């Protein structure tokens, strides 16, 4: 099972945040979620 197989477990009606200490994976995850219709996705910046 890939991680994208679980996309239906992420709520569309709530704020979804992505985070990683370097920021690269968070950016990739954010972009992926945005293309899948998650308009409430945000990136939490490290710092």
PDB file of N, CA and C in Angstrom:
ATOM      1  N   UNK A   1       0.853  -1.176   0.000  1.00  0.00           N
ATOM      2  CA  UNK A   1       0.000   0.000   0.000  1.00  0.00           C
ATOM      3  C   UNK A   1       0.897   1.236   0.000  1.00  0.00           C
ATOM      4  N   UNK A   2       0.639   2.120  -0.930  1.00  0.00           N
ATOM      5  CA  UNK A   2       1.403   3.370  -0.950  1.00  0.00           C
ATOM      6  C   UNK A   2       0.689   4.416  -0.104  1.00  0.00           C
ATOM      7  N   UNK A   3       1.390   5.464   0.202  1.00  0.00           N
ATOM      8  CA  UNK A   3       0.813   6.516   1.035  1.00  0.00           C
ATOM      9  C   UNK A   3      -0.330   7.226   0.313  1.00  0.00           C
ATOM     10  N   UNK A   4      -0.288   7.264  -1.013  1.00  0.00           N
ATOM     11  CA  UNK A   4      -1.374   7.917  -1.745  1.00  0.00           C
ATOM     12  C   UNK A   4      -2.660   7.104  -1.708  1.00  0.00           C
ATOM     13  N   UNK A   5      -2.561   5.825  -1.349  1.00  0.00           N
ATOM     14  CA  UNK A   5      -3.766   4.997  -1.212  1.00  0.00           C
ATOM     15  C   UNK A   5      -4.622   5.450  -0.034  1.00  0.00           C
ATOM     16  N   UNK A   6      -4.063   6.242   0.850  1.00  0.00           N
ATOM     17  CA  UNK A   6      -4.778   6.673   2.055  1.00  0.00           C
ATOM     18  C   UNK A   6      -5.282   8.120   1.946  1.00  0.00           C
ATOM     19  N   UNK A   7      -5.254   8.662   0.758  1.00  0.00           N
ATOM     20  CA  UNK A   7      -5.654  10.052   0.542  1.00  0.00           C
ATOM     21  C   UNK A   7      -7.081  10.323   1.010  1.00  0.00           C
ATOM     22  N   UNK A   8      -7.947   9.333   0.911  1.00  0.00           N
ATOM     23  CA  UNK A   8      -9.339   9.514   1.319  1.00  0.00           C
ATOM     24  C   UNK A   8      -9.501   9.635   2.832  1.00  0.00           C
ATOM     25  N   UNK A   9      -8.442   9.393   3.598  1.00  0.00           N
ATOM     26  CA  UNK A   9      -8.505   9.536   5.050  1.00  0.00           C
ATOM     27  C   UNK A   9      -8.253  10.975   5.511  1.00  0.00           C
ATOM     28  N   UNK A  10      -7.812  11.826   4.604  1.00  0.00           N
ATOM     29  CA  UNK A  10      -7.537  13.225   4.957  1.00  0.00           C
ATOM     30  C   UNK A  10      -8.820  14.021   4.780  1.00  0.00           C
ATOM     31  N   UNK A  11      -9.247  14.745   5.812  1.00  0.00           N
ATOM     32  CA  UNK A  11     -10.509  15.488   5.711  1.00  0.00           C
ATOM     33  C   UNK A  11     -10.394  16.687   4.767  1.00  0.00           C
ATOM     34  N   UNK A  12     -11.388  16.853   3.919  1.00  0.00           N
ATOM     35  CA  UNK A  12     -11.426  17.999   3.005  1.00  0.00           C
ATOM     36  C   UNK A  12     -12.001  19.236   3.675  1.00  0.00           C
ATOM     37  N   UNK A  13     -12.695  19.071   4.798  1.00  0.00           N
ATOM     38  CA  UNK A  13     -13.391  20.185   5.423  1.00  0.00           C
ATOM     39  C   UNK A  13     -12.613  20.805   6.589  1.00  0.00           C
ATOM     40  N   UNK A  14     -11.351  20.411   6.768  1.00  0.00           N
ATOM     41  CA  UNK A  14     -10.540  20.943   7.862  1.00  0.00           C
ATOM     42  C   UNK A  14      -9.207  21.429   7.325  1.00  0.00           C
ATOM     43  N   UNK A  15      -8.544  22.246   8.104  1.00  0.00           N
ATOM     44  CA  UNK A  15      -7.216  22.717   7.762  1.00  0.00           C
ATOM     45  C   UNK A  15      -6.242  21.537   7.796  1.00  0.00           C
ATOM     46  N   UNK A  16      -5.445  21.392   6.762  1.00  0.00           N
ATOM     47  CA  UNK A  16      -4.447  20.325   6.668  1.00  0.00           C
ATOM     48  C   UNK A  16      -3.086  20.991   6.601  1.00  0.00           C
ATOM     49  N   UNK A  17      -2.175  20.589   7.480  1.00  0.00           N
ATOM     50  CA  UNK A  17      -0.842  21.194   7.522  1.00  0.00           C
ATOM     51  C   UNK A  17       0.221  20.169   7.171  1.00  0.00           C
ATOM     52  N   UNK A  18       1.238  20.628   6.442  1.00  0.00           N
ATOM     53  CA  UNK A  18       2.392  19.791   6.144  1.00  0.00           C
ATOM     54  C   UNK A  18       3.604  20.398   6.824  1.00  0.00           C
ATOM     55  N   UNK A  19       4.527  19.538   7.241  1.00  0.00           N
ATOM     56  CA  UNK A  19       5.717  20.013   7.941  1.00  0.00           C
ATOM     57  C   UNK A  19       6.868  19.039   7.730  1.00  0.00           C
ATOM     58  N   UNK A  20       8.049  19.578   7.551  1.00  0.00           N
ATOM     59  CA  UNK A  20       9.291  18.827   7.683  1.00  0.00           C
ATOM     60  C   UNK A  20      10.356  19.850   8.058  1.00  0.00           C
ATOM     61  N   UNK A  21      11.385  19.416   8.743  1.00  0.00           N
ATOM     62  CA  UNK A  21      12.363  20.363   9.276  1.00  0.00           C
ATOM     63  C   UNK A  21      13.118  21.107   8.189  1.00  0.00           C
ATOM     64  N   UNK A  22      13.336  20.481   7.034  1.00  0.00           N
ATOM     65  CA  UNK A  22      14.042  21.152   5.942  1.00  0.00           C
ATOM     66  C   UNK A  22      13.118  21.926   5.026  1.00  0.00           C
ATOM     67  N   UNK A  23      11.871  21.516   4.946  1.00  0.00           N
ATOM     68  CA  UNK A  23      10.890  22.212   4.133  1.00  0.00           C
ATOM     69  C   UNK A  23      10.626  21.579   2.776  1.00  0.00           C
ATOM     70  N   UNK A  24      11.561  20.805   2.260  1.00  0.00           N
ATOM     71  CA  UNK A  24      11.390  20.245   0.918  1.00  0.00           C
ATOM     72  C   UNK A  24      10.228  19.265   0.832  1.00  0.00           C
ATOM     73  N   UNK A  25      10.158  18.332   1.751  1.00  0.00           N
ATOM     74  CA  UNK A  25       9.062  17.344   1.721  1.00  0.00           C
ATOM     75  C   UNK A  25       7.724  18.004   2.002  1.00  0.00           C
ATOM     76  N   UNK A  26       7.720  19.014   2.854  1.00  0.00           N
ATOM     77  CA  UNK A  26       6.476  19.733   3.129  1.00  0.00           C
ATOM     78  C   UNK A  26       5.976  20.430   1.871  1.00  0.00           C
ATOM     79  N   UNK A  27       6.881  20.997   1.106  1.00  0.00           N
ATOM     80  CA  UNK A  27       6.489  21.662  -0.145  1.00  0.00           C
ATOM     81  C   UNK A  27       5.919  20.662  -1.148  1.00  0.00           C
ATOM     82  N   UNK A  28       6.551  19.504  -1.261  1.00  0.00           N
ATOM     83  CA  UNK A  28       6.070  18.468  -2.175  1.00  0.00           C
ATOM     84  C   UNK A  28       4.689  17.982  -1.735  1.00  0.00           C
ATOM     85  N   UNK A  29       4.536  17.721  -0.444  1.00  0.00           N
ATOM     86  CA  UNK A  29       3.247  17.250   0.082  1.00  0.00           C
ATOM     87  C   UNK A  29       2.163  18.303  -0.122  1.00  0.00           C
ATOM     88  N   UNK A  30       2.491  19.564   0.137  1.00  0.00           N
ATOM     89  CA  UNK A  30       1.532  20.643  -0.061  1.00  0.00           C
ATOM     90  C   UNK A  30       1.087  20.711  -1.520  1.00  0.00           C
ATOM     91  N   UNK A  31       2.045  20.672  -2.446  1.00  0.00           N
ATOM     92  CA  UNK A  31       1.717  20.750  -3.870  1.00  0.00           C
ATOM     93  C   UNK A  31       0.836  19.576  -4.289  1.00  0.00           C
ATOM     94  N   UNK A  32       1.155  18.385  -3.795  1.00  0.00           N
ATOM     95  CA  UNK A  32       0.359  17.207  -4.122  1.00  0.00           C
ATOM     96  C   UNK A  32      -1.068  17.353  -3.596  1.00  0.00           C
ATOM     97  N   UNK A  33      -1.196  17.740  -2.335  1.00  0.00           N
ATOM     98  CA  UNK A  33      -2.528  17.911  -1.760  1.00  0.00           C
ATOM     99  C   UNK A  33      -3.325  18.974  -2.512  1.00  0.00           C
ATOM    100  N   UNK A  34      -2.657  20.057  -2.877  1.00  0.00           N
ATOM    101  CA  UNK A  34      -3.344  21.134  -3.596  1.00  0.00           C
ATOM    102  C   UNK A  34      -3.875  20.641  -4.943  1.00  0.00           C
ATOM    103  N   UNK A  35      -3.095  19.815  -5.642  1.00  0.00           N
ATOM    104  CA  UNK A  35      -3.564  19.288  -6.926  1.00  0.00           C
ATOM    105  C   UNK A  35      -4.716  18.314  -6.755  1.00  0.00           C
ATOM    106  N   UNK A  36      -4.858  17.754  -5.565  1.00  0.00           N
ATOM    107  CA  UNK A  36      -5.946  16.819  -5.287  1.00  0.00           C
ATOM    108  C   UNK A  36      -7.171  17.505  -4.694  1.00  0.00           C
ATOM    109  N   UNK A  37      -7.177  18.841  -4.688  1.00  0.00           N
ATOM    110  CA  UNK A  37      -8.359  19.575  -4.261  1.00  0.00           C
ATOM    111  C   UNK A  37      -8.391  19.996  -2.810  1.00  0.00           C
ATOM    112  N   UNK A  38      -7.286  19.908  -2.110  1.00  0.00           N
ATOM    113  CA  UNK A  38      -7.227  20.328  -0.717  1.00  0.00           C
ATOM    114  C   UNK A  38      -6.864  21.817  -0.673  1.00  0.00           C
ATOM    115  N   UNK A  39      -7.878  22.658  -0.795  1.00  0.00           N
ATOM    116  CA  UNK A  39      -7.653  24.104  -0.803  1.00  0.00           C
ATOM    117  C   UNK A  39      -7.278  24.654   0.555  1.00  0.00           C
ATOM    118  N   UNK A  40      -7.518  23.889   1.619  1.00  0.00           N
ATOM    119  CA  UNK A  40      -7.178  24.339   2.974  1.00  0.00           C
ATOM    120  C   UNK A  40      -5.837  23.795   3.441  1.00  0.00           C
ATOM    121  N   UNK A  41      -4.984  23.344   2.524  1.00  0.00           N
ATOM    122  CA  UNK A  41      -3.662  22.838   2.900  1.00  0.00           C
ATOM    123  C   UNK A  41      -2.714  24.022   3.143  1.00  0.00           C
ATOM    124  N   UNK A  42      -1.868  23.890   4.134  1.00  0.00           N
ATOM    125  CA  UNK A  42      -0.880  24.926   4.483  1.00  0.00           C
ATOM    126  C   UNK A  42       0.439  24.259   4.806  1.00  0.00           C
ATOM    127  N   UNK A  43       1.509  25.029   4.676  1.00  0.00           N
ATOM    128  CA  UNK A  43       2.844  24.570   5.055  1.00  0.00           C
ATOM    129  C   UNK A  43       3.220  25.249   6.351  1.00  0.00           C
ATOM    130  N   UNK A  44       3.652  24.473   7.327  1.00  0.00           N
ATOM    131  CA  UNK A  44       4.173  25.021   8.576  1.00  0.00           C
ATOM    132  C   UNK A  44       5.682  25.136   8.403  1.00  0.00           C
ATOM    133  N   UNK A  45       6.188  26.345   8.490  1.00  0.00           N
ATOM    134  CA  UNK A  45       7.619  26.593   8.295  1.00  0.00           C
ATOM    135  C   UNK A  45       8.397  26.248   9.557  1.00  0.00           C
ATOM    136  N   UNK A  46       9.550  25.626   9.386  1.00  0.00           N
ATOM    137  CA  UNK A  46      10.420  25.317  10.518  1.00  0.00           C
ATOM    138  C   UNK A  46      11.074  26.610  11.012  1.00  0.00           C
ATOM    139  N   UNK A  47      11.408  26.605  12.267  1.00  0.00           N
ATOM    140  CA  UNK A  47      12.093  27.794  12.735  1.00  0.00           C
ATOM    141  C   UNK A  47      11.930  28.108  14.143  1.00  0.00           C
TER     142      UNK A  47
END
